[in-house]
Amino acid sequence: MFDQQRFGAALMRLWPHGDDKIPGLRKEMIAQSPTLFDLYGLTSPLVIANFMGECTVECGGGSEVEENLNYREEVLLSQWPKHFTPAQAKAMAHQPRLIANQAYNGRMGNRLGSDDGWTYRGRGPAQTTGRDAYGHLGEMMGLDFVNHPELINQPEYFLEAGLIDFVTICGCLPYAERDDEINETRCLNGGLIGLAQRQQSIALWKQAFGLAA
């Protein structure tokens, strides 16, 4: 049975800056948690620990709810080698809007040569990225995320947006149920970026629920 009080205590401790960017976020997440976890099939402490551990890394425990694109030249070339030439990386370094529109240009439903890369940069607990993902998520929630992408970071929509990304769009639930952190991360992230940090985060959530890490 889901222990809302224990979840709330863990969230307050493990997301100490969770209300800095979105006032009232943690209180709303705690209030919604019993209904939403049950609705999306997170029925065990193990699965919730995996979900929350991943989200903690994706959004910095609520303190990085919009993608940080303030990258150095060398980082752009290492992270997006197919999308930046050395000259582009040098010219666009530390200019987040230019970086977003170059990195995500014409991908994930973003229109070529548009501002979509910046408009649909990563947001929310699972860092939803790209026009298509915003549109799909919005359809499932009955909200217009295409015209109002900032709604993902409203406290009343935040937790459900992450759950839909994790469970429905990315298909992470079967891996979370098996405690398969590698394939869970691969499905959510598209790779294994920050795997060690994710595993450490999941371990902290397991400990908070009284599970062996």
N, C-alpha and C. Protein backbone atom coordinates (compact mmCIF):
# COMPACT_ATOMS: atom_id res chain seq x y z
N MET A 1 0.83 -1.19 0.00
CA MET A 1 0.00 0.00 0.00
C MET A 1 0.88 1.26 0.00
N PHE A 2 0.51 2.25 -0.83
CA PHE A 2 1.30 3.47 -0.95
C PHE A 2 1.27 4.27 0.35
N ASP A 3 2.44 4.65 0.80
CA ASP A 3 2.58 5.44 2.02
C ASP A 3 2.82 6.90 1.64
N GLN A 4 1.75 7.67 1.59
CA GLN A 4 1.86 9.06 1.17
C GLN A 4 2.72 9.87 2.11
N GLN A 5 2.62 9.61 3.39
CA GLN A 5 3.41 10.37 4.36
C GLN A 5 4.90 10.12 4.16
N ARG A 6 5.24 8.87 3.91
CA ARG A 6 6.65 8.54 3.70
C ARG A 6 7.16 9.15 2.40
N PHE A 7 6.32 9.10 1.36
CA PHE A 7 6.69 9.72 0.10
C PHE A 7 6.91 11.22 0.29
N GLY A 8 6.00 11.86 1.00
CA GLY A 8 6.12 13.29 1.23
C GLY A 8 7.38 13.66 1.97
N ALA A 9 7.71 12.89 2.99
CA ALA A 9 8.93 13.16 3.76
C ALA A 9 10.16 13.01 2.88
N ALA A 10 10.15 11.97 2.02
CA ALA A 10 11.28 11.75 1.12
C ALA A 10 11.41 12.87 0.10
N LEU A 11 10.28 13.30 -0.44
CA LEU A 11 10.31 14.37 -1.43
C LEU A 11 10.84 15.67 -0.82
N MET A 12 10.41 16.00 0.36
CA MET A 12 10.88 17.22 1.00
C MET A 12 12.38 17.16 1.28
N ARG A 13 12.87 15.97 1.61
CA ARG A 13 14.29 15.83 1.93
C ARG A 13 15.16 15.74 0.68
N LEU A 14 14.71 14.98 -0.33
CA LEU A 14 15.53 14.73 -1.51
C LEU A 14 15.38 15.80 -2.58
N TRP A 15 14.32 16.62 -2.48
CA TRP A 15 14.16 17.77 -3.36
C TRP A 15 14.17 19.04 -2.51
N PRO A 16 15.26 19.36 -1.86
CA PRO A 16 15.28 20.49 -0.94
C PRO A 16 15.01 21.83 -1.61
N HIS A 17 15.27 21.93 -2.90
CA HIS A 17 15.01 23.18 -3.64
C HIS A 17 13.85 23.00 -4.62
N GLY A 18 12.99 22.05 -4.33
CA GLY A 18 11.92 21.71 -5.25
C GLY A 18 10.89 22.79 -5.48
N ASP A 19 10.81 23.77 -4.59
CA ASP A 19 9.84 24.86 -4.76
C ASP A 19 10.48 26.15 -5.27
N ASP A 20 11.79 26.11 -5.51
CA ASP A 20 12.48 27.36 -5.88
C ASP A 20 12.00 27.90 -7.22
N LYS A 21 11.85 27.03 -8.21
CA LYS A 21 11.43 27.46 -9.55
C LYS A 21 9.92 27.41 -9.72
N ILE A 22 9.27 26.48 -9.04
CA ILE A 22 7.82 26.33 -9.13
C ILE A 22 7.26 26.36 -7.71
N PRO A 23 6.84 27.52 -7.23
CA PRO A 23 6.32 27.61 -5.86
C PRO A 23 5.15 26.65 -5.64
N GLY A 24 5.21 25.94 -4.52
CA GLY A 24 4.15 25.01 -4.17
C GLY A 24 4.23 23.67 -4.86
N LEU A 25 5.31 23.40 -5.60
CA LEU A 25 5.41 22.17 -6.38
C LEU A 25 5.35 20.92 -5.50
N ARG A 26 6.16 20.89 -4.46
CA ARG A 26 6.24 19.66 -3.66
C ARG A 26 4.92 19.35 -2.97
N LYS A 27 4.26 20.36 -2.45
CA LYS A 27 2.97 20.15 -1.79
C LYS A 27 1.96 19.56 -2.77
N GLU A 28 1.95 20.07 -4.00
CA GLU A 28 1.01 19.58 -5.01
C GLU A 28 1.35 18.14 -5.40
N MET A 29 2.63 17.84 -5.56
CA MET A 29 3.03 16.48 -5.90
C MET A 29 2.63 15.49 -4.82
N ILE A 30 2.82 15.88 -3.58
CA ILE A 30 2.44 15.00 -2.47
C ILE A 30 0.93 14.77 -2.46
N ALA A 31 0.18 15.84 -2.68
CA ALA A 31 -1.28 15.72 -2.66
C ALA A 31 -1.79 14.82 -3.78
N GLN A 32 -1.18 14.90 -4.95
CA GLN A 32 -1.63 14.14 -6.11
C GLN A 32 -1.10 12.71 -6.14
N SER A 33 -0.04 12.45 -5.40
CA SER A 33 0.69 11.19 -5.55
C SER A 33 -0.15 9.93 -5.40
N PRO A 34 -1.04 9.78 -4.41
CA PRO A 34 -1.79 8.52 -4.31
C PRO A 34 -2.64 8.24 -5.55
N THR A 35 -3.34 9.25 -6.03
CA THR A 35 -4.21 9.06 -7.19
C THR A 35 -3.42 8.81 -8.46
N LEU A 36 -2.40 9.63 -8.70
CA LEU A 36 -1.68 9.52 -9.97
C LEU A 36 -0.79 8.28 -10.03
N PHE A 37 -0.13 7.91 -8.95
CA PHE A 37 0.69 6.71 -8.98
C PHE A 37 -0.18 5.48 -9.25
N ASP A 38 -1.33 5.43 -8.64
CA ASP A 38 -2.24 4.31 -8.88
C ASP A 38 -2.76 4.32 -10.32
N LEU A 39 -3.11 5.48 -10.82
CA LEU A 39 -3.66 5.61 -12.17
C LEU A 39 -2.69 5.13 -13.23
N TYR A 40 -1.40 5.41 -13.04
CA TYR A 40 -0.40 5.05 -14.05
C TYR A 40 0.37 3.78 -13.72
N GLY A 41 -0.09 3.03 -12.74
CA GLY A 41 0.45 1.70 -12.50
C GLY A 41 1.71 1.63 -11.66
N LEU A 42 2.03 2.70 -10.94
CA LEU A 42 3.18 2.66 -10.04
C LEU A 42 2.69 2.15 -8.69
N THR A 43 2.63 0.85 -8.56
CA THR A 43 1.95 0.23 -7.43
C THR A 43 2.88 -0.32 -6.37
N SER A 44 4.17 -0.11 -6.52
CA SER A 44 5.11 -0.61 -5.51
C SER A 44 6.16 0.44 -5.19
N PRO A 45 6.71 0.41 -3.99
CA PRO A 45 7.78 1.36 -3.64
C PRO A 45 8.97 1.27 -4.60
N LEU A 46 9.28 0.07 -5.10
CA LEU A 46 10.40 -0.10 -6.02
C LEU A 46 10.19 0.70 -7.30
N VAL A 47 9.00 0.61 -7.87
CA VAL A 47 8.71 1.32 -9.12
C VAL A 47 8.71 2.82 -8.88
N ILE A 48 8.12 3.26 -7.78
CA ILE A 48 8.11 4.68 -7.47
C ILE A 48 9.53 5.20 -7.24
N ALA A 49 10.37 4.40 -6.59
CA ALA A 49 11.76 4.80 -6.38
C ALA A 49 12.49 4.97 -7.71
N ASN A 50 12.23 4.06 -8.65
CA ASN A 50 12.86 4.19 -9.96
C ASN A 50 12.38 5.43 -10.69
N PHE A 51 11.08 5.64 -10.69
CA PHE A 51 10.52 6.83 -11.35
C PHE A 51 11.05 8.11 -10.74
N MET A 52 10.96 8.21 -9.43
CA MET A 52 11.39 9.43 -8.77
C MET A 52 12.90 9.64 -8.87
N GLY A 53 13.65 8.55 -8.83
CA GLY A 53 15.10 8.65 -8.98
C GLY A 53 15.48 9.22 -10.33
N GLU A 54 14.81 8.75 -11.38
CA GLU A 54 15.07 9.26 -12.73
C GLU A 54 14.67 10.73 -12.84
N CYS A 55 13.49 11.06 -12.34
CA CYS A 55 13.02 12.44 -12.42
C CYS A 55 13.90 13.39 -11.62
N THR A 56 14.40 12.92 -10.50
CA THR A 56 15.27 13.75 -9.67
C THR A 56 16.47 14.22 -10.48
N VAL A 57 17.04 13.33 -11.29
CA VAL A 57 18.19 13.69 -12.12
C VAL A 57 17.75 14.55 -13.30
N GLU A 58 16.65 14.16 -13.96
CA GLU A 58 16.20 14.88 -15.14
C GLU A 58 15.92 16.34 -14.85
N CYS A 59 15.29 16.63 -13.72
CA CYS A 59 14.91 18.03 -13.44
C CYS A 59 15.63 18.60 -12.23
N GLY A 60 16.71 17.97 -11.82
CA GLY A 60 17.49 18.50 -10.70
C GLY A 60 16.71 18.63 -9.42
N GLY A 61 15.83 17.65 -9.17
CA GLY A 61 15.02 17.72 -7.97
C GLY A 61 14.12 18.94 -7.92
N GLY A 62 13.60 19.32 -9.11
CA GLY A 62 12.72 20.47 -9.20
C GLY A 62 13.43 21.81 -9.36
N SER A 63 14.76 21.80 -9.35
CA SER A 63 15.51 23.05 -9.44
C SER A 63 15.98 23.36 -10.86
N GLU A 64 15.81 22.40 -11.78
CA GLU A 64 16.21 22.59 -13.18
C GLU A 64 15.07 22.13 -14.08
N VAL A 65 13.94 22.81 -13.99
CA VAL A 65 12.74 22.36 -14.68
C VAL A 65 12.69 22.84 -16.13
N GLU A 66 13.68 23.62 -16.56
CA GLU A 66 13.87 23.95 -17.96
C GLU A 66 15.30 23.58 -18.33
N GLU A 67 15.46 23.01 -19.52
CA GLU A 67 16.76 22.54 -19.97
C GLU A 67 17.79 23.67 -19.95
N ASN A 68 18.93 23.39 -19.36
CA ASN A 68 20.04 24.35 -19.32
C ASN A 68 20.87 24.16 -20.58
N LEU A 69 20.82 25.13 -21.47
CA LEU A 69 21.53 25.03 -22.75
C LEU A 69 22.70 26.00 -22.84
N ASN A 70 23.20 26.43 -21.72
CA ASN A 70 24.31 27.37 -21.69
C ASN A 70 25.64 26.61 -21.76
N TYR A 71 25.95 26.09 -22.97
CA TYR A 71 27.09 25.19 -23.13
C TYR A 71 28.31 25.86 -23.73
N ARG A 72 29.47 25.34 -23.32
CA ARG A 72 30.74 25.75 -23.92
C ARG A 72 30.90 25.11 -25.30
N GLU A 73 31.80 25.68 -26.07
CA GLU A 73 32.08 25.20 -27.42
C GLU A 73 32.39 23.71 -27.45
N GLU A 74 33.28 23.27 -26.56
CA GLU A 74 33.70 21.86 -26.58
C GLU A 74 32.57 20.91 -26.19
N VAL A 75 31.68 21.37 -25.32
CA VAL A 75 30.54 20.54 -24.92
C VAL A 75 29.57 20.37 -26.09
N LEU A 76 29.35 21.42 -26.84
CA LEU A 76 28.46 21.32 -28.00
C LEU A 76 28.98 20.30 -29.00
N LEU A 77 30.28 20.30 -29.22
CA LEU A 77 30.86 19.37 -30.19
C LEU A 77 30.83 17.94 -29.69
N SER A 78 30.95 17.74 -28.38
CA SER A 78 30.93 16.38 -27.85
C SER A 78 29.51 15.85 -27.70
N GLN A 79 28.57 16.72 -27.35
CA GLN A 79 27.20 16.28 -27.12
C GLN A 79 26.40 16.16 -28.40
N TRP A 80 26.63 17.07 -29.34
CA TRP A 80 25.89 17.06 -30.61
C TRP A 80 26.85 17.12 -31.79
N PRO A 81 27.70 16.12 -31.95
CA PRO A 81 28.72 16.19 -33.02
C PRO A 81 28.13 16.24 -34.43
N LYS A 82 26.89 15.74 -34.59
CA LYS A 82 26.27 15.74 -35.91
C LYS A 82 25.51 17.04 -36.21
N HIS A 83 25.37 17.88 -35.21
CA HIS A 83 24.52 19.06 -35.38
C HIS A 83 25.27 20.38 -35.28
N PHE A 84 26.57 20.32 -34.92
CA PHE A 84 27.37 21.53 -34.84
C PHE A 84 28.70 21.32 -35.56
N THR A 85 29.04 22.22 -36.44
CA THR A 85 30.40 22.25 -36.97
C THR A 85 31.26 23.00 -35.94
N PRO A 86 32.58 22.86 -36.02
CA PRO A 86 33.43 23.63 -35.09
C PRO A 86 33.16 25.13 -35.15
N ALA A 87 32.91 25.65 -36.34
CA ALA A 87 32.64 27.08 -36.47
C ALA A 87 31.31 27.46 -35.80
N GLN A 88 30.30 26.62 -35.98
CA GLN A 88 29.00 26.89 -35.34
C GLN A 88 29.11 26.82 -33.83
N ALA A 89 29.82 25.82 -33.34
CA ALA A 89 29.97 25.67 -31.89
C ALA A 89 30.67 26.87 -31.28
N LYS A 90 31.68 27.37 -31.99
CA LYS A 90 32.40 28.55 -31.49
C LYS A 90 31.51 29.78 -31.49
N ALA A 91 30.72 29.94 -32.55
CA ALA A 91 29.87 31.13 -32.68
C ALA A 91 28.68 31.12 -31.73
N MET A 92 28.18 29.92 -31.39
CA MET A 92 26.95 29.82 -30.60
C MET A 92 27.18 29.51 -29.13
N ALA A 93 28.41 29.28 -28.74
CA ALA A 93 28.70 28.92 -27.34
C ALA A 93 28.08 29.93 -26.37
N HIS A 94 27.46 29.40 -25.30
CA HIS A 94 26.86 30.22 -24.23
C HIS A 94 25.69 31.09 -24.71
N GLN A 95 25.06 30.70 -25.80
CA GLN A 95 23.86 31.39 -26.28
C GLN A 95 22.72 30.37 -26.38
N PRO A 96 22.03 30.13 -25.27
CA PRO A 96 21.08 29.01 -25.18
C PRO A 96 20.04 28.96 -26.30
N ARG A 97 19.48 30.09 -26.68
CA ARG A 97 18.44 30.07 -27.71
C ARG A 97 19.00 29.60 -29.06
N LEU A 98 20.15 30.13 -29.43
CA LEU A 98 20.79 29.70 -30.68
C LEU A 98 21.15 28.22 -30.61
N ILE A 99 21.64 27.80 -29.48
CA ILE A 99 22.03 26.40 -29.30
C ILE A 99 20.83 25.49 -29.46
N ALA A 100 19.72 25.84 -28.80
CA ALA A 100 18.52 25.00 -28.89
C ALA A 100 18.02 24.90 -30.31
N ASN A 101 17.98 26.01 -31.02
CA ASN A 101 17.45 25.99 -32.37
C ASN A 101 18.36 25.29 -33.35
N GLN A 102 19.65 25.24 -33.06
CA GLN A 102 20.57 24.48 -33.91
C GLN A 102 20.53 22.99 -33.56
N ALA A 103 20.58 22.68 -32.28
CA ALA A 103 20.63 21.28 -31.85
C ALA A 103 19.36 20.52 -32.20
N TYR A 104 18.22 21.19 -32.10
CA TYR A 104 16.93 20.52 -32.30
C TYR A 104 16.25 20.91 -33.61
N ASN A 105 16.97 21.57 -34.49
CA ASN A 105 16.40 22.04 -35.75
C ASN A 105 15.92 20.86 -36.62
N GLY A 106 14.63 20.88 -36.98
CA GLY A 106 14.11 19.85 -37.88
C GLY A 106 14.01 18.46 -37.28
N ARG A 107 14.11 18.36 -35.98
CA ARG A 107 14.02 17.05 -35.31
C ARG A 107 12.87 17.04 -34.32
N MET A 108 12.39 15.86 -34.00
CA MET A 108 11.37 15.66 -32.96
C MET A 108 10.10 16.49 -33.25
N GLY A 109 9.82 16.67 -34.53
CA GLY A 109 8.64 17.44 -34.92
C GLY A 109 8.89 18.93 -35.03
N ASN A 110 10.08 19.39 -34.68
CA ASN A 110 10.39 20.81 -34.78
C ASN A 110 10.53 21.20 -36.25
N ARG A 111 10.02 22.36 -36.60
CA ARG A 111 10.05 22.83 -37.98
C ARG A 111 11.43 23.39 -38.33
N LEU A 112 11.88 23.11 -39.55
CA LEU A 112 13.18 23.57 -40.00
C LEU A 112 13.25 25.10 -39.96
N GLY A 113 14.37 25.60 -39.49
CA GLY A 113 14.62 27.02 -39.51
C GLY A 113 13.70 27.85 -38.64
N SER A 114 13.09 27.21 -37.64
CA SER A 114 12.14 27.91 -36.78
C SER A 114 12.72 28.11 -35.39
N ASP A 115 11.89 28.66 -34.51
CA ASP A 115 12.27 28.85 -33.11
C ASP A 115 11.81 27.67 -32.26
N ASP A 116 11.39 26.58 -32.92
CA ASP A 116 10.81 25.44 -32.19
C ASP A 116 11.80 24.79 -31.23
N GLY A 117 13.07 24.76 -31.61
CA GLY A 117 14.05 24.14 -30.71
C GLY A 117 14.06 24.80 -29.35
N TRP A 118 13.95 26.12 -29.35
CA TRP A 118 13.93 26.87 -28.09
C TRP A 118 12.56 26.77 -27.42
N THR A 119 11.51 26.90 -28.21
CA THR A 119 10.15 26.86 -27.66
C THR A 119 9.87 25.53 -26.98
N TYR A 120 10.34 24.44 -27.60
CA TYR A 120 10.06 23.10 -27.08
C TYR A 120 11.31 22.44 -26.51
N ARG A 121 12.13 23.26 -25.85
CA ARG A 121 13.30 22.71 -25.14
C ARG A 121 12.80 21.87 -23.96
N GLY A 122 13.70 21.15 -23.34
CA GLY A 122 13.32 20.25 -22.26
C GLY A 122 12.67 20.97 -21.09
N ARG A 123 11.52 20.43 -20.66
CA ARG A 123 10.81 20.97 -19.49
C ARG A 123 10.19 19.82 -18.72
N GLY A 124 9.86 20.13 -17.46
CA GLY A 124 9.11 19.18 -16.66
C GLY A 124 9.96 18.14 -15.98
N PRO A 125 9.33 17.21 -15.28
CA PRO A 125 10.08 16.22 -14.50
C PRO A 125 10.88 15.24 -15.34
N ALA A 126 10.43 15.00 -16.58
CA ALA A 126 11.17 14.08 -17.46
C ALA A 126 11.79 14.80 -18.63
N GLN A 127 11.86 16.13 -18.56
CA GLN A 127 12.46 16.95 -19.61
C GLN A 127 11.86 16.64 -21.00
N THR A 128 10.56 16.78 -21.12
CA THR A 128 9.87 16.65 -22.39
C THR A 128 10.50 17.59 -23.40
N THR A 129 10.86 17.07 -24.58
CA THR A 129 11.59 17.85 -25.57
C THR A 129 11.01 17.62 -26.97
N GLY A 130 10.84 18.69 -27.72
CA GLY A 130 10.41 18.60 -29.11
C GLY A 130 8.92 18.84 -29.28
N ARG A 131 8.56 19.44 -30.41
CA ARG A 131 7.17 19.80 -30.69
C ARG A 131 6.26 18.58 -30.66
N ASP A 132 6.71 17.46 -31.24
CA ASP A 132 5.87 16.26 -31.26
C ASP A 132 5.58 15.76 -29.84
N ALA A 133 6.60 15.74 -29.00
CA ALA A 133 6.41 15.24 -27.63
C ALA A 133 5.48 16.15 -26.84
N TYR A 134 5.62 17.45 -27.02
CA TYR A 134 4.71 18.39 -26.36
C TYR A 134 3.28 18.17 -26.83
N GLY A 135 3.12 17.98 -28.15
CA GLY A 135 1.79 17.77 -28.69
C GLY A 135 1.15 16.48 -28.21
N HIS A 136 1.93 15.41 -28.20
CA HIS A 136 1.43 14.11 -27.75
C HIS A 136 1.05 14.16 -26.28
N LEU A 137 1.92 14.72 -25.47
CA LEU A 137 1.65 14.83 -24.04
C LEU A 137 0.41 15.68 -23.77
N GLY A 138 0.31 16.77 -24.50
CA GLY A 138 -0.84 17.65 -24.32
C GLY A 138 -2.14 16.96 -24.70
N GLU A 139 -2.13 16.20 -25.77
CA GLU A 139 -3.34 15.47 -26.17
C GLU A 139 -3.77 14.50 -25.08
N MET A 140 -2.81 13.82 -24.48
CA MET A 140 -3.13 12.83 -23.45
C MET A 140 -3.63 13.48 -22.16
N MET A 141 -3.25 14.72 -21.95
CA MET A 141 -3.68 15.42 -20.73
C MET A 141 -4.83 16.38 -20.98
N GLY A 142 -5.24 16.52 -22.25
CA GLY A 142 -6.31 17.45 -22.57
C GLY A 142 -5.90 18.90 -22.43
N LEU A 143 -4.61 19.18 -22.72
CA LEU A 143 -4.07 20.53 -22.57
C LEU A 143 -3.33 20.93 -23.84
N ASP A 144 -3.26 22.22 -24.09
CA ASP A 144 -2.60 22.73 -25.29
C ASP A 144 -1.14 23.07 -24.99
N PHE A 145 -0.31 22.04 -24.94
CA PHE A 145 1.11 22.26 -24.68
C PHE A 145 1.83 22.81 -25.90
N VAL A 146 1.27 22.67 -27.09
CA VAL A 146 1.92 23.20 -28.28
C VAL A 146 1.93 24.72 -28.24
N ASN A 147 0.80 25.31 -27.92
CA ASN A 147 0.72 26.77 -27.85
C ASN A 147 1.09 27.32 -26.48
N HIS A 148 1.08 26.45 -25.48
CA HIS A 148 1.43 26.88 -24.13
C HIS A 148 2.36 25.86 -23.47
N PRO A 149 3.58 25.73 -23.99
CA PRO A 149 4.50 24.71 -23.46
C PRO A 149 4.85 24.91 -22.00
N GLU A 150 4.73 26.15 -21.52
CA GLU A 150 5.08 26.44 -20.12
C GLU A 150 4.13 25.77 -19.14
N LEU A 151 2.98 25.30 -19.61
CA LEU A 151 2.01 24.66 -18.71
C LEU A 151 2.57 23.38 -18.08
N ILE A 152 3.52 22.75 -18.74
CA ILE A 152 4.12 21.53 -18.18
C ILE A 152 4.69 21.80 -16.80
N ASN A 153 5.16 23.02 -16.59
CA ASN A 153 5.78 23.37 -15.32
C ASN A 153 4.82 24.04 -14.34
N GLN A 154 3.54 23.92 -14.59
CA GLN A 154 2.57 24.33 -13.57
C GLN A 154 2.47 23.21 -12.53
N PRO A 155 2.41 23.54 -11.25
CA PRO A 155 2.44 22.49 -10.22
C PRO A 155 1.34 21.46 -10.36
N GLU A 156 0.16 21.87 -10.86
CA GLU A 156 -0.95 20.93 -10.97
C GLU A 156 -0.80 19.93 -12.12
N TYR A 157 0.13 20.19 -13.05
CA TYR A 157 0.32 19.29 -14.20
C TYR A 157 1.66 18.57 -14.16
N PHE A 158 2.55 19.02 -13.32
CA PHE A 158 3.95 18.59 -13.34
C PHE A 158 4.10 17.07 -13.15
N LEU A 159 3.55 16.53 -12.08
CA LEU A 159 3.74 15.11 -11.78
C LEU A 159 3.11 14.23 -12.85
N GLU A 160 1.91 14.57 -13.30
CA GLU A 160 1.26 13.73 -14.31
C GLU A 160 2.02 13.78 -15.63
N ALA A 161 2.56 14.93 -15.99
CA ALA A 161 3.36 15.02 -17.21
C ALA A 161 4.53 14.05 -17.15
N GLY A 162 5.20 13.99 -16.00
CA GLY A 162 6.32 13.06 -15.85
C GLY A 162 5.89 11.61 -15.92
N LEU A 163 4.76 11.30 -15.31
CA LEU A 163 4.27 9.92 -15.32
C LEU A 163 3.89 9.47 -16.72
N ILE A 164 3.25 10.34 -17.48
CA ILE A 164 2.88 9.97 -18.85
C ILE A 164 4.13 9.76 -19.69
N ASP A 165 5.11 10.64 -19.54
CA ASP A 165 6.38 10.45 -20.26
C ASP A 165 7.01 9.10 -19.90
N PHE A 166 7.10 8.84 -18.62
CA PHE A 166 7.78 7.65 -18.12
C PHE A 166 7.03 6.37 -18.51
N VAL A 167 5.73 6.35 -18.30
CA VAL A 167 4.94 5.12 -18.47
C VAL A 167 4.46 4.93 -19.90
N THR A 168 3.80 5.94 -20.44
CA THR A 168 3.08 5.77 -21.70
C THR A 168 3.94 6.08 -22.92
N ILE A 169 4.63 7.21 -22.90
CA ILE A 169 5.39 7.62 -24.08
C ILE A 169 6.70 6.85 -24.20
N CYS A 170 7.42 6.72 -23.11
CA CYS A 170 8.74 6.08 -23.15
C CYS A 170 8.72 4.59 -22.82
N GLY A 171 7.66 4.11 -22.22
CA GLY A 171 7.55 2.68 -21.94
C GLY A 171 8.51 2.16 -20.89
N CYS A 172 8.76 2.94 -19.86
CA CYS A 172 9.76 2.57 -18.84
C CYS A 172 9.22 1.64 -17.76
N LEU A 173 7.90 1.53 -17.63
CA LEU A 173 7.33 0.82 -16.49
C LEU A 173 7.80 -0.63 -16.36
N PRO A 174 7.81 -1.43 -17.43
CA PRO A 174 8.27 -2.82 -17.27
C PRO A 174 9.70 -2.92 -16.74
N TYR A 175 10.54 -1.99 -17.14
CA TYR A 175 11.93 -2.01 -16.66
C TYR A 175 12.01 -1.57 -15.20
N ALA A 176 11.19 -0.59 -14.83
CA ALA A 176 11.16 -0.17 -13.43
C ALA A 176 10.69 -1.30 -12.54
N GLU A 177 9.72 -2.07 -13.01
CA GLU A 177 9.20 -3.19 -12.22
C GLU A 177 10.27 -4.27 -12.02
N ARG A 178 11.20 -4.37 -12.97
CA ARG A 178 12.30 -5.34 -12.85
C ARG A 178 13.56 -4.72 -12.25
N ASP A 179 13.46 -3.44 -11.89
CA ASP A 179 14.61 -2.71 -11.36
C ASP A 179 15.77 -2.70 -12.35
N ASP A 180 15.43 -2.63 -13.63
CA ASP A 180 16.41 -2.60 -14.71
C ASP A 180 16.72 -1.14 -15.01
N GLU A 181 17.64 -0.58 -14.26
CA GLU A 181 17.92 0.85 -14.36
C GLU A 181 18.55 1.22 -15.70
N ILE A 182 19.29 0.30 -16.29
CA ILE A 182 19.96 0.61 -17.56
C ILE A 182 18.95 0.77 -18.69
N ASN A 183 18.09 -0.21 -18.88
CA ASN A 183 17.13 -0.11 -19.97
C ASN A 183 16.05 0.92 -19.69
N GLU A 184 15.72 1.11 -18.44
CA GLU A 184 14.80 2.18 -18.06
C GLU A 184 15.36 3.54 -18.47
N THR A 185 16.63 3.77 -18.17
CA THR A 185 17.29 5.02 -18.54
C THR A 185 17.37 5.17 -20.04
N ARG A 186 17.68 4.09 -20.73
CA ARG A 186 17.79 4.13 -22.18
C ARG A 186 16.46 4.54 -22.82
N CYS A 187 15.37 4.01 -22.30
CA CYS A 187 14.06 4.36 -22.84
C CYS A 187 13.68 5.81 -22.55
N LEU A 188 13.98 6.27 -21.35
CA LEU A 188 13.59 7.62 -20.95
C LEU A 188 14.47 8.67 -21.58
N ASN A 189 15.76 8.40 -21.63
CA ASN A 189 16.75 9.40 -22.02
C ASN A 189 17.17 9.28 -23.49
N GLY A 190 16.93 8.13 -24.10
CA GLY A 190 17.41 7.91 -25.46
C GLY A 190 18.85 7.46 -25.49
N GLY A 191 19.45 7.30 -24.32
CA GLY A 191 20.84 6.86 -24.19
C GLY A 191 21.08 6.56 -22.73
N LEU A 192 22.34 6.64 -22.33
CA LEU A 192 22.69 6.35 -20.94
C LEU A 192 23.41 7.52 -20.28
N ILE A 193 23.02 8.73 -20.69
CA ILE A 193 23.64 9.92 -20.13
C ILE A 193 23.34 10.01 -18.64
N GLY A 194 24.39 10.16 -17.85
CA GLY A 194 24.23 10.31 -16.41
C GLY A 194 23.78 9.05 -15.70
N LEU A 195 24.11 7.88 -16.24
CA LEU A 195 23.61 6.63 -15.66
C LEU A 195 24.04 6.47 -14.20
N ALA A 196 25.30 6.73 -13.91
CA ALA A 196 25.78 6.56 -12.52
C ALA A 196 25.03 7.48 -11.57
N GLN A 197 24.80 8.71 -11.99
CA GLN A 197 24.05 9.66 -11.16
C GLN A 197 22.61 9.18 -10.97
N ARG A 198 22.02 8.63 -12.00
CA ARG A 198 20.66 8.12 -11.91
C ARG A 198 20.59 6.93 -10.94
N GLN A 199 21.56 6.06 -11.02
CA GLN A 199 21.57 4.90 -10.13
C GLN A 199 21.74 5.33 -8.67
N GLN A 200 22.55 6.34 -8.44
CA GLN A 200 22.72 6.87 -7.08
C GLN A 200 21.41 7.49 -6.58
N SER A 201 20.73 8.21 -7.47
CA SER A 201 19.47 8.85 -7.11
C SER A 201 18.40 7.81 -6.79
N ILE A 202 18.31 6.79 -7.62
CA ILE A 202 17.34 5.71 -7.38
C ILE A 202 17.64 5.03 -6.05
N ALA A 203 18.92 4.84 -5.76
CA ALA A 203 19.31 4.20 -4.49
C ALA A 203 18.84 5.02 -3.30
N LEU A 204 18.93 6.35 -3.39
CA LEU A 204 18.47 7.20 -2.30
C LEU A 204 16.96 7.09 -2.10
N TRP A 205 16.23 6.98 -3.21
CA TRP A 205 14.77 6.83 -3.09
C TRP A 205 14.41 5.45 -2.54
N LYS A 206 15.18 4.44 -2.92
CA LYS A 206 14.94 3.11 -2.35
C LYS A 206 15.14 3.14 -0.83
N GLN A 207 16.21 3.78 -0.41
CA GLN A 207 16.48 3.87 1.03
C GLN A 207 15.36 4.62 1.73
N ALA A 208 14.83 5.65 1.09
CA ALA A 208 13.74 6.42 1.70
C ALA A 208 12.50 5.58 1.90
N PHE A 209 12.31 4.58 1.04
CA PHE A 209 11.16 3.68 1.17
C PHE A 209 11.49 2.41 1.96
N GLY A 210 12.70 2.37 2.52
CA GLY A 210 13.07 1.20 3.33
C GLY A 210 13.47 -0.01 2.53
N LEU A 211 13.89 0.22 1.26
CA LEU A 211 14.31 -0.87 0.39
C LEU A 211 15.84 -0.94 0.38
N ALA A 212 16.34 -2.13 0.13
CA ALA A 212 17.79 -2.28 0.00
C ALA A 212 18.22 -1.67 -1.33
N ALA A 213 19.21 -0.82 -1.30
CA ALA A 213 19.68 -0.16 -2.53
C ALA A 213 20.45 -1.13 -3.40
